[in-house]
């Protein structure tokens, strides 16, 4: 009886952490950005929705608390803490160039009133960005100082990765250290892409950033995601993992609604996946029933919580001056074809036999084929909308690798995975080397950030006129 209680308690902790990681930023947003007459009812609604979502979520499996499992848990926690440490979150080590923007954005949220704005050349510039990840740490920063805020970013990231990993273990119904290692080292074959681009064999161990070999196309490894765009990647991982655990649709829209402020582009990448999951979870006698699909989504947390969070997040994000600047891109066919083969096609090929009857396999395949055809000036859509599909592909690939069957196909798949792992290895090597060299990252001014189109909002938009404080 005691053993069962421990397992159930552990399950509740994981579920609570996952939903809180996604929804707490929106609660802080509602308090800090919205007029009180709007914000207070919204906070009450979201808190009640979190309660309902947690109560209606049950993981399909949790590890038993044997001595062997506890030792493995301690090892996995150490690996997660180390991985997040090397990512640069918290400013303990050298950071990649993207952190320069993110550090200044975070500092503005700590040091300035909310909503963040600056008067530059007589014009009121508003900060509009997918800011969810930073808001809990910004509260800590406002109370205890900027450095404490950066430290809490690190803790917040660990909580997100921790909950994601254990939900993945629940989905796979097994707890393996190598599952975590596969998550960390899963990547496309950027090393081969670089060799084709450079017409030579690149160094096996270096500090190079290998992801841009295909020009405008990039699908980032899990490690690249957390080292460069942690603020979007980690919430997207948690949301995708939670969605995959659902056997009904009571929380689907709620998860998506609270994700939008955290991970805008991954939210868009999740739409076809969620549409499939809703249909799959509402079949009657193995037949698609659209009426039942709609009915199965009706819950307090979906309609009230997800609806309110999604609508308000959309109105806020739509105030960004860059929000409508997208297009369909026609690209070099050969580069596009090679990109698709090396970044995900080779993995889809090796898992086809196991997944050929799984419709989700085809959903992520079609998504990954189509995403490169959409273009934003920064390339963000291609790189970030793909995060959920790549996450699911990683789970499918890890399942095949972990079977340990001694077949030629499995041996070749493992070889492909090892070649792909060079990319995250290079990311980590670069951090270690530059930390040792005490290299500096760029520092951007408030004026630069507040006038940069990716982060700049229009003070005349609906959100700032009628909803914001």
Protein backbone atom coordinates (compact mmCIF):
# COMPACT_ATOMS: atom_id res chain seq x y z
CA UNK A 1 0.00 0.00 0.00
CA UNK A 2 2.85 2.35 0.87
CA UNK A 3 4.53 1.62 -2.48
CA UNK A 4 1.38 2.50 -4.41
CA UNK A 5 1.02 5.73 -2.44
CA UNK A 6 4.56 6.77 -3.34
CA UNK A 7 3.94 6.08 -7.00
CA UNK A 8 0.67 8.00 -7.02
CA UNK A 9 2.30 10.92 -5.19
CA UNK A 10 5.14 10.96 -7.74
CA UNK A 11 2.63 10.91 -10.59
CA UNK A 12 0.70 13.85 -9.11
CA UNK A 13 3.93 15.82 -8.69
CA UNK A 14 4.88 15.28 -12.35
CA UNK A 15 1.40 16.17 -13.63
CA UNK A 16 1.19 19.23 -11.37
CA UNK A 17 4.66 20.41 -12.45
CA UNK A 18 3.87 19.98 -16.16
CA UNK A 19 0.57 21.90 -16.10
CA UNK A 20 2.00 24.59 -13.83
CA UNK A 21 5.00 25.01 -16.12
CA UNK A 22 2.66 25.79 -19.02
CA UNK A 23 -0.08 27.76 -17.25
CA UNK A 24 1.63 29.77 -14.50
CA UNK A 25 3.26 32.14 -17.04
CA UNK A 26 -0.18 33.03 -18.41
CA UNK A 27 -1.49 33.67 -14.88
CA UNK A 28 1.41 36.06 -14.29
CA UNK A 29 0.70 37.66 -17.68
CA UNK A 30 -2.95 38.19 -16.72
CA UNK A 31 -1.98 39.84 -13.43
CA UNK A 32 0.85 41.95 -14.81
CA UNK A 33 -0.43 42.98 -18.24
CA UNK A 34 -4.23 43.12 -18.13
CA UNK A 35 -6.58 45.62 -16.58
CA UNK A 36 -7.70 44.32 -13.15
CA UNK A 37 -11.36 44.02 -14.20
CA UNK A 38 -10.20 41.62 -16.93
CA UNK A 39 -7.17 40.06 -15.27
CA UNK A 40 -8.73 38.96 -11.95
CA UNK A 41 -11.58 36.88 -13.49
CA UNK A 42 -9.10 35.44 -16.00
CA UNK A 43 -6.75 34.31 -13.20
CA UNK A 44 -9.61 32.65 -11.31
CA UNK A 45 -10.70 30.86 -14.48
CA UNK A 46 -7.21 29.62 -15.34
CA UNK A 47 -6.53 28.43 -11.77
CA UNK A 48 -9.78 26.44 -11.78
CA UNK A 49 -8.91 25.04 -15.21
CA UNK A 50 -5.49 23.89 -13.96
CA UNK A 51 -7.22 22.10 -11.07
CA UNK A 52 -9.65 20.39 -13.43
CA UNK A 53 -6.90 19.45 -15.90
CA UNK A 54 -4.70 17.91 -13.21
CA UNK A 55 -7.61 15.92 -11.77
CA UNK A 56 -8.51 14.54 -15.20
CA UNK A 57 -4.94 13.53 -16.12
CA UNK A 58 -3.55 10.15 -15.19
CA UNK A 59 -0.23 8.89 -16.47
CA UNK A 60 -0.40 5.40 -17.94
CA UNK A 61 2.72 4.29 -16.08
CA UNK A 62 5.09 5.42 -13.35
CA UNK A 63 8.31 3.70 -12.23
CA UNK A 64 8.36 1.66 -9.05
CA UNK A 65 10.49 3.05 -6.24
CA UNK A 66 13.01 0.25 -5.98
CA UNK A 67 16.62 0.97 -4.99
CA UNK A 68 17.73 0.41 -8.59
CA UNK A 69 15.13 2.85 -9.96
CA UNK A 70 16.00 5.52 -7.39
CA UNK A 71 19.67 5.32 -8.39
CA UNK A 72 18.70 5.68 -12.06
CA UNK A 73 16.49 8.67 -11.18
CA UNK A 74 19.36 10.38 -9.38
CA UNK A 75 21.62 9.80 -12.41
CA UNK A 76 18.97 11.19 -14.78
CA UNK A 77 18.40 14.26 -12.61
CA UNK A 78 22.16 14.88 -12.59
CA UNK A 79 22.27 14.57 -16.39
CA UNK A 80 19.32 16.97 -16.79
CA UNK A 81 20.85 19.51 -14.41
CA UNK A 82 24.16 19.31 -16.30
CA UNK A 83 22.52 19.57 -19.75
CA UNK A 84 20.53 22.65 -18.79
CA UNK A 85 23.65 24.12 -17.13
CA UNK A 86 25.63 23.76 -20.39
CA UNK A 87 22.80 25.35 -22.37
CA UNK A 88 23.67 28.77 -20.95
CA UNK A 89 20.33 29.29 -19.21
CA UNK A 90 21.06 31.19 -16.02
CA UNK A 91 24.29 32.75 -17.36
CA UNK A 92 26.56 30.29 -15.52
CA UNK A 93 28.57 29.48 -18.66
CA UNK A 94 29.24 30.99 -22.09
CA UNK A 95 26.05 31.55 -24.09
CA UNK A 96 25.25 31.33 -27.80
CA UNK A 97 24.53 34.56 -29.64
CA UNK A 98 20.73 34.21 -29.39
CA UNK A 99 21.04 34.63 -25.62
CA UNK A 100 22.16 38.22 -26.21
CA UNK A 101 18.63 39.11 -27.29
CA UNK A 102 17.00 36.97 -24.64
CA UNK A 103 19.11 38.32 -21.80
CA UNK A 104 18.17 41.90 -22.64
CA UNK A 105 14.49 41.01 -23.03
CA UNK A 106 14.55 39.35 -19.62
CA UNK A 107 16.32 42.31 -18.03
CA UNK A 108 13.69 44.67 -19.42
CA UNK A 109 10.95 42.54 -17.86
CA UNK A 110 12.76 42.62 -14.52
CA UNK A 111 13.67 46.30 -14.48
CA UNK A 112 10.70 48.00 -16.18
CA UNK A 113 6.95 48.16 -15.40
CA UNK A 114 4.61 45.82 -17.33
CA UNK A 115 3.60 45.91 -20.13
CA UNK A 116 7.16 46.80 -21.11
CA UNK A 117 7.42 49.94 -23.22
CA UNK A 118 9.97 52.60 -24.19
CA UNK A 119 9.60 56.08 -25.65
CA UNK A 120 12.17 56.28 -28.47
CA UNK A 121 12.31 59.35 -30.72
CA UNK A 122 8.90 60.36 -29.44
CA UNK A 123 7.30 57.02 -30.37
CA UNK A 124 5.87 54.60 -27.80
CA UNK A 125 7.39 51.16 -28.51
CA UNK A 126 5.78 48.13 -26.84
CA UNK A 127 7.41 44.76 -26.19
CA UNK A 128 5.41 41.98 -27.88
CA UNK A 129 6.98 38.54 -28.02
CA UNK A 130 6.36 34.95 -26.88
CA UNK A 131 7.41 35.85 -23.36
CA UNK A 132 5.81 33.13 -21.21
CA UNK A 133 8.98 31.29 -20.18
CA UNK A 134 10.54 34.40 -18.61
CA UNK A 135 7.63 35.68 -16.56
CA UNK A 136 8.03 33.45 -13.44
CA UNK A 137 11.76 34.26 -13.30
CA UNK A 138 11.02 37.96 -13.90
CA UNK A 139 8.84 38.00 -10.76
CA UNK A 140 11.74 36.51 -8.77
CA UNK A 141 14.07 39.08 -10.35
CA UNK A 142 11.83 41.99 -9.38
CA UNK A 143 11.71 40.82 -5.76
CA UNK A 144 15.24 39.48 -5.17
CA UNK A 145 17.31 41.13 -7.90
CA UNK A 146 18.32 40.45 -11.48
CA UNK A 147 20.87 37.72 -10.67
CA UNK A 148 18.29 35.78 -8.68
CA UNK A 149 16.00 36.04 -11.69
CA UNK A 150 18.62 34.48 -13.98
CA UNK A 151 19.18 31.67 -11.46
CA UNK A 152 15.46 30.99 -11.34
CA UNK A 153 15.39 30.75 -15.15
CA UNK A 154 17.76 27.81 -14.73
CA UNK A 155 15.56 26.20 -12.06
CA UNK A 156 12.42 26.79 -14.15
CA UNK A 157 14.07 25.15 -17.18
CA UNK A 158 15.09 22.11 -15.09
CA UNK A 159 11.49 21.70 -13.89
CA UNK A 160 10.25 21.74 -17.47
CA UNK A 161 12.82 19.25 -18.76
CA UNK A 162 12.33 17.03 -15.70
CA UNK A 163 8.55 16.80 -16.18
CA UNK A 164 8.92 16.26 -19.94
CA UNK A 165 11.36 13.38 -19.46
CA UNK A 166 9.22 11.51 -16.94
CA UNK A 167 6.10 11.94 -19.06
CA UNK A 168 8.04 10.48 -22.00
CA UNK A 169 8.98 7.54 -19.76
CA UNK A 170 5.29 7.14 -18.92
CA UNK A 171 4.38 7.11 -22.62
CA UNK A 172 7.02 4.45 -23.30
CA UNK A 173 6.14 2.55 -20.09
CA UNK A 174 9.78 2.17 -19.11
CA UNK A 175 12.42 4.14 -17.29
CA UNK A 176 15.81 4.03 -19.00
CA UNK A 177 18.84 6.29 -18.71
CA UNK A 178 19.47 5.77 -22.42
CA UNK A 179 16.06 7.35 -23.17
CA UNK A 180 17.38 10.60 -21.73
CA UNK A 181 20.64 10.25 -23.68
CA UNK A 182 18.66 9.73 -26.89
CA UNK A 183 16.68 12.91 -26.15
CA UNK A 184 19.90 14.87 -25.65
CA UNK A 185 21.74 13.51 -28.70
CA UNK A 186 18.88 13.13 -31.20
CA UNK A 187 19.55 15.14 -34.36
CA UNK A 188 19.39 15.14 -38.13
CA UNK A 189 22.49 14.34 -40.17
CA UNK A 190 23.94 17.85 -40.16
CA UNK A 191 27.47 16.45 -40.21
CA UNK A 192 26.84 14.88 -43.62
CA UNK A 193 25.07 18.06 -44.77
CA UNK A 194 28.14 20.10 -43.84
CA UNK A 195 30.39 17.62 -45.68
CA UNK A 196 28.27 18.01 -48.83
CA UNK A 197 28.32 21.78 -48.51
CA UNK A 198 32.07 22.10 -47.82
CA UNK A 199 33.15 19.27 -50.18
CA UNK A 200 35.34 17.94 -47.39
CA UNK A 201 34.99 15.93 -44.19
CA UNK A 202 34.47 18.32 -41.22
CA UNK A 203 36.23 17.81 -37.92
CA UNK A 204 34.59 15.10 -35.84
CA UNK A 205 34.85 17.09 -32.61
CA UNK A 206 34.72 20.87 -32.86
CA UNK A 207 32.74 23.82 -31.62
CA UNK A 208 31.03 24.50 -34.94
CA UNK A 209 27.33 25.26 -35.30
CA UNK A 210 26.26 22.74 -37.94
CA UNK A 211 22.55 23.42 -38.35
CA UNK A 212 22.66 25.99 -41.19
CA UNK A 213 24.18 23.76 -43.87
CA UNK A 214 20.97 23.88 -45.97
CA UNK A 215 20.71 27.66 -46.17
CA UNK A 216 17.23 28.87 -45.29
CA UNK A 217 16.22 25.40 -44.05
CA UNK A 218 16.93 24.23 -40.53
CA UNK A 219 15.51 21.56 -38.25
CA UNK A 220 17.23 21.85 -34.88
CA UNK A 221 18.44 19.01 -32.69
CA UNK A 222 17.02 18.78 -29.17
CA UNK A 223 20.27 20.15 -27.76
CA UNK A 224 20.38 22.98 -30.30
CA UNK A 225 16.83 23.91 -29.31
CA UNK A 226 17.59 24.22 -25.61
CA UNK A 227 20.96 25.92 -26.25
CA UNK A 228 19.47 28.56 -28.58
CA UNK A 229 15.67 28.87 -28.16
CA UNK A 230 14.95 27.33 -24.76
CA UNK A 231 12.07 29.73 -24.16
CA UNK A 232 10.07 28.13 -26.99
CA UNK A 233 11.49 24.60 -26.97
CA UNK A 234 10.99 23.48 -23.37
CA UNK A 235 7.28 24.48 -23.11
CA UNK A 236 6.69 22.86 -26.52
CA UNK A 237 8.27 19.60 -25.30
CA UNK A 238 6.12 19.59 -22.15
CA UNK A 239 2.92 20.36 -24.07
CA UNK A 240 3.60 17.72 -26.73
CA UNK A 241 4.38 15.08 -24.09
CA UNK A 242 1.17 15.92 -22.19
CA UNK A 243 -0.91 15.78 -25.37
CA UNK A 244 0.46 12.32 -26.19
CA UNK A 245 -0.66 10.99 -22.79
CA UNK A 246 -4.28 11.96 -23.34
CA UNK A 247 -6.80 9.20 -24.00
CA UNK A 248 -9.62 11.75 -24.13
CA UNK A 249 -9.93 15.35 -25.27
CA UNK A 250 -10.86 17.12 -22.04
CA UNK A 251 -7.57 19.02 -21.76
CA UNK A 252 -6.41 19.29 -25.38
CA UNK A 253 -7.55 22.87 -26.06
CA UNK A 254 -6.50 24.02 -22.60
CA UNK A 255 -2.94 22.77 -23.16
CA UNK A 256 -2.84 24.53 -26.53
CA UNK A 257 -4.32 27.72 -25.11
CA UNK A 258 -1.71 28.13 -22.38
CA UNK A 259 1.08 27.08 -24.75
CA UNK A 260 0.51 29.97 -27.17
CA UNK A 261 2.13 32.66 -25.01
CA UNK A 262 5.13 30.39 -24.38
CA UNK A 263 5.77 28.87 -27.80
CA UNK A 264 3.95 30.58 -30.64
CA UNK A 265 5.54 28.80 -33.61
CA UNK A 266 5.50 25.32 -31.99
CA UNK A 267 1.83 26.00 -31.24
CA UNK A 268 1.23 26.26 -35.00
CA UNK A 269 3.25 23.11 -35.59
CA UNK A 270 1.10 21.26 -33.07
CA UNK A 271 -2.22 22.13 -34.75
CA UNK A 272 -2.29 19.21 -37.23
CA UNK A 273 -1.09 16.84 -34.50
CA UNK A 274 -3.80 17.95 -32.08
CA UNK A 275 -6.44 17.74 -34.80
CA UNK A 276 -5.44 14.12 -35.41
CA UNK A 277 -5.36 13.28 -31.68
CA UNK A 278 -8.82 14.74 -31.13
CA UNK A 279 -10.21 12.66 -34.00
CA UNK A 280 -8.37 9.52 -32.86
CA UNK A 281 -9.56 9.87 -29.25
CA UNK A 282 -13.20 10.25 -30.27
CA UNK A 283 -13.67 7.38 -32.71
CA UNK A 284 -16.74 5.21 -32.26
CA UNK A 285 -16.29 1.57 -33.28
CA UNK A 286 -13.07 2.57 -35.08
CA UNK A 287 -14.98 5.06 -37.24
CA UNK A 288 -14.40 8.79 -37.37
CA UNK A 289 -17.27 10.70 -35.77
CA UNK A 290 -16.85 14.47 -36.08
CA UNK A 291 -19.86 15.18 -33.88
CA UNK A 292 -18.39 13.05 -31.11
CA UNK A 293 -15.00 14.73 -31.64
CA UNK A 294 -16.54 18.16 -31.00
CA UNK A 295 -18.55 16.86 -28.06
CA UNK A 296 -15.49 15.22 -26.49
CA UNK A 297 -13.69 18.59 -26.37
CA UNK A 298 -16.40 20.22 -24.27
CA UNK A 299 -15.02 20.73 -20.77
CA UNK A 300 -14.59 23.68 -18.43
CA UNK A 301 -10.82 23.72 -18.86
CA UNK A 302 -11.03 23.57 -22.66
CA UNK A 303 -13.80 26.09 -23.27
CA UNK A 304 -13.13 28.55 -20.45
CA UNK A 305 -9.43 28.06 -19.67
CA UNK A 306 -8.10 27.21 -23.13
CA UNK A 307 -10.42 29.61 -24.90
CA UNK A 308 -9.59 32.60 -22.73
CA UNK A 309 -5.83 31.90 -22.65
CA UNK A 310 -5.71 31.31 -26.40
CA UNK A 311 -7.77 34.35 -27.38
CA UNK A 312 -5.95 36.80 -25.08
CA UNK A 313 -2.53 35.43 -26.07
CA UNK A 314 -3.46 35.75 -29.74
CA UNK A 315 -4.65 39.35 -29.34
CA UNK A 316 -1.40 40.23 -27.54
CA UNK A 317 0.87 38.48 -30.06
CA UNK A 318 -1.07 39.94 -33.00
CA UNK A 319 0.13 43.36 -31.82
CA UNK A 320 3.64 42.48 -33.02
CA UNK A 321 4.59 44.41 -36.15
CA UNK A 322 6.12 41.27 -37.69
CA UNK A 323 3.09 39.05 -37.09
CA UNK A 324 1.66 39.28 -40.61
CA UNK A 325 4.95 39.19 -42.48
CA UNK A 326 5.04 35.63 -43.84
CA UNK A 327 4.96 34.00 -47.22
CA UNK A 328 5.14 30.75 -49.12
CA UNK A 329 8.65 30.18 -50.36
CA UNK A 330 9.81 28.44 -53.51
CA UNK A 331 13.25 27.02 -52.89
CA UNK A 332 15.99 25.15 -54.67
CA UNK A 333 14.53 21.72 -55.25
CA UNK A 334 17.76 19.76 -54.81
CA UNK A 335 18.68 21.44 -51.51
CA UNK A 336 15.13 20.94 -50.25
CA UNK A 337 15.18 17.26 -51.20
CA UNK A 338 18.55 16.60 -49.57
CA UNK A 339 17.44 18.52 -46.47
CA UNK A 340 14.31 16.34 -46.12
CA UNK A 341 16.32 13.14 -46.51
CA UNK A 342 19.07 14.01 -44.06
CA UNK A 343 17.05 15.83 -41.39
CA UNK A 344 14.15 13.40 -40.96
CA UNK A 345 13.61 11.19 -44.01
CA UNK A 346 16.26 8.66 -43.05
CA UNK A 347 14.63 8.21 -39.62
CA UNK A 348 11.15 7.89 -41.14
CA UNK A 349 12.51 5.16 -43.40
CA UNK A 350 13.94 3.07 -40.56
CA UNK A 351 10.84 3.21 -38.35
CA UNK A 352 8.35 2.69 -41.18
CA UNK A 353 7.85 -1.01 -40.48
CA UNK A 354 6.93 -0.40 -36.82
CA UNK A 355 4.88 2.76 -37.41
CA UNK A 356 3.27 2.12 -40.81
CA UNK A 357 -0.15 1.54 -39.21
CA UNK A 358 0.14 4.57 -36.94
CA UNK A 359 -1.58 7.62 -38.52
CA UNK A 360 0.50 9.93 -36.32
CA UNK A 361 3.56 8.77 -38.27
CA UNK A 362 2.06 10.20 -41.46
CA UNK A 363 0.89 13.39 -39.73
CA UNK A 364 4.41 14.27 -38.59
CA UNK A 365 5.92 13.16 -41.92
CA UNK A 366 3.63 15.45 -43.93
CA UNK A 367 4.19 18.29 -41.45
CA UNK A 368 7.97 18.02 -41.70
CA UNK A 369 7.78 17.93 -45.50
CA UNK A 370 5.59 21.06 -45.65
CA UNK A 371 7.16 23.30 -42.97
CA UNK A 372 10.21 24.28 -45.07
CA UNK A 373 7.90 25.70 -47.73
CA UNK A 374 6.77 28.49 -45.38
CA UNK A 375 9.08 31.42 -44.87
CA UNK A 376 9.53 34.21 -42.37
CA UNK A 377 12.40 36.73 -42.71
CA UNK A 378 14.15 35.23 -39.67
CA UNK A 379 13.49 31.59 -40.66
CA UNK A 380 11.79 31.10 -37.29
CA UNK A 381 8.71 29.28 -38.58
CA UNK A 382 10.67 26.45 -40.20
CA UNK A 383 12.91 25.97 -37.17
CA UNK A 384 10.34 26.29 -34.40
CA UNK A 385 7.05 24.99 -35.84
CA UNK A 386 8.90 21.72 -36.44
CA UNK A 387 9.75 21.21 -32.74
CA UNK A 388 6.65 19.10 -31.80
CA UNK A 389 6.89 16.84 -34.88
CA UNK A 390 10.63 16.31 -34.33
CA UNK A 391 9.92 15.56 -30.67
CA UNK A 392 7.43 12.83 -31.62
CA UNK A 393 9.83 11.48 -34.25
CA UNK A 394 12.50 11.29 -31.55
CA UNK A 395 10.19 9.21 -29.33
CA UNK A 396 9.42 6.82 -32.20
CA UNK A 397 13.11 6.45 -33.09
CA UNK A 398 14.11 5.92 -29.46
CA UNK A 399 11.55 3.12 -29.17
CA UNK A 400 13.19 1.26 -32.05
CA UNK A 401 16.73 1.86 -30.80
CA UNK A 402 15.83 0.66 -27.30
CA UNK A 403 14.49 -2.68 -28.53
CA UNK A 404 18.14 -3.79 -28.82
CA UNK A 405 17.30 -6.31 -31.55
CA UNK A 406 20.50 -7.36 -33.30
CA UNK A 407 19.42 -6.80 -36.88
CA UNK A 408 21.21 -5.07 -39.74
CA UNK A 409 18.49 -2.38 -39.88
CA UNK A 410 18.87 -1.61 -36.17
CA UNK A 411 22.65 -1.47 -36.49
CA UNK A 412 22.42 1.00 -39.39
CA UNK A 413 19.81 3.07 -37.50
CA UNK A 414 22.13 3.24 -34.50
CA UNK A 415 24.96 4.32 -36.81
CA UNK A 416 22.72 7.05 -38.28
CA UNK A 417 21.85 8.21 -34.76
CA UNK A 418 25.54 8.34 -33.79
CA UNK A 419 26.36 10.45 -36.86
CA UNK A 420 23.48 12.76 -35.98
CA UNK A 421 24.75 13.03 -32.38
CA UNK A 422 27.80 14.93 -33.66
CA UNK A 423 25.64 18.07 -33.90
CA UNK A 424 24.69 18.22 -30.18
CA UNK A 425 28.23 17.17 -29.28
CA UNK A 426 29.53 20.21 -31.18
CA UNK A 427 27.02 22.45 -29.38
CA UNK A 428 28.23 21.28 -25.98
CA UNK A 429 31.90 21.41 -27.01
CA UNK A 430 31.50 25.04 -28.11
CA UNK A 431 30.06 25.99 -24.73
CA UNK A 432 32.86 24.28 -22.81
CA UNK A 433 35.63 25.74 -24.98
CA UNK A 434 34.27 29.30 -24.94
CA UNK A 435 33.62 29.15 -21.21
CA UNK A 436 37.25 28.12 -20.69
CA UNK A 437 38.39 30.96 -22.96
CA UNK A 438 36.09 33.37 -21.12
CA UNK A 439 34.62 34.55 -24.41
CA UNK A 440 32.00 37.30 -24.24
CA UNK A 441 28.55 37.44 -25.82
CA UNK A 442 27.14 40.57 -27.43
CA UNK A 443 25.21 43.03 -25.30
CA UNK A 444 22.29 44.86 -26.91
CA UNK A 445 20.78 48.13 -25.78
CA UNK A 446 17.18 48.70 -24.78
CA UNK A 447 16.70 50.89 -27.85
CA UNK A 448 17.93 48.14 -30.18
CA UNK A 449 15.63 45.51 -28.66
CA UNK A 450 12.56 47.74 -28.51
CA UNK A 451 12.92 48.81 -32.16
CA UNK A 452 13.77 45.33 -33.51
CA UNK A 453 10.74 44.08 -35.53
CA UNK A 454 10.71 40.60 -33.92
CA UNK A 455 10.06 42.12 -30.49
CA UNK A 456 8.27 45.37 -31.32
CA UNK A 457 4.56 45.91 -30.75
CA UNK A 458 2.15 48.50 -32.09
CA UNK A 459 0.70 50.63 -29.28
CA UNK A 460 -2.35 51.38 -31.46
CA UNK A 461 -3.43 47.74 -31.67
CA UNK A 462 -6.55 46.47 -29.87
CA UNK A 463 -4.65 44.84 -27.00
CA UNK A 464 -2.91 48.00 -25.84
CA UNK A 465 -5.95 50.22 -26.44
CA UNK A 466 -8.56 48.20 -24.59
CA UNK A 467 -7.08 45.28 -22.63
CA UNK A 468 -3.63 46.21 -21.31
CA UNK A 469 -3.05 48.25 -18.18
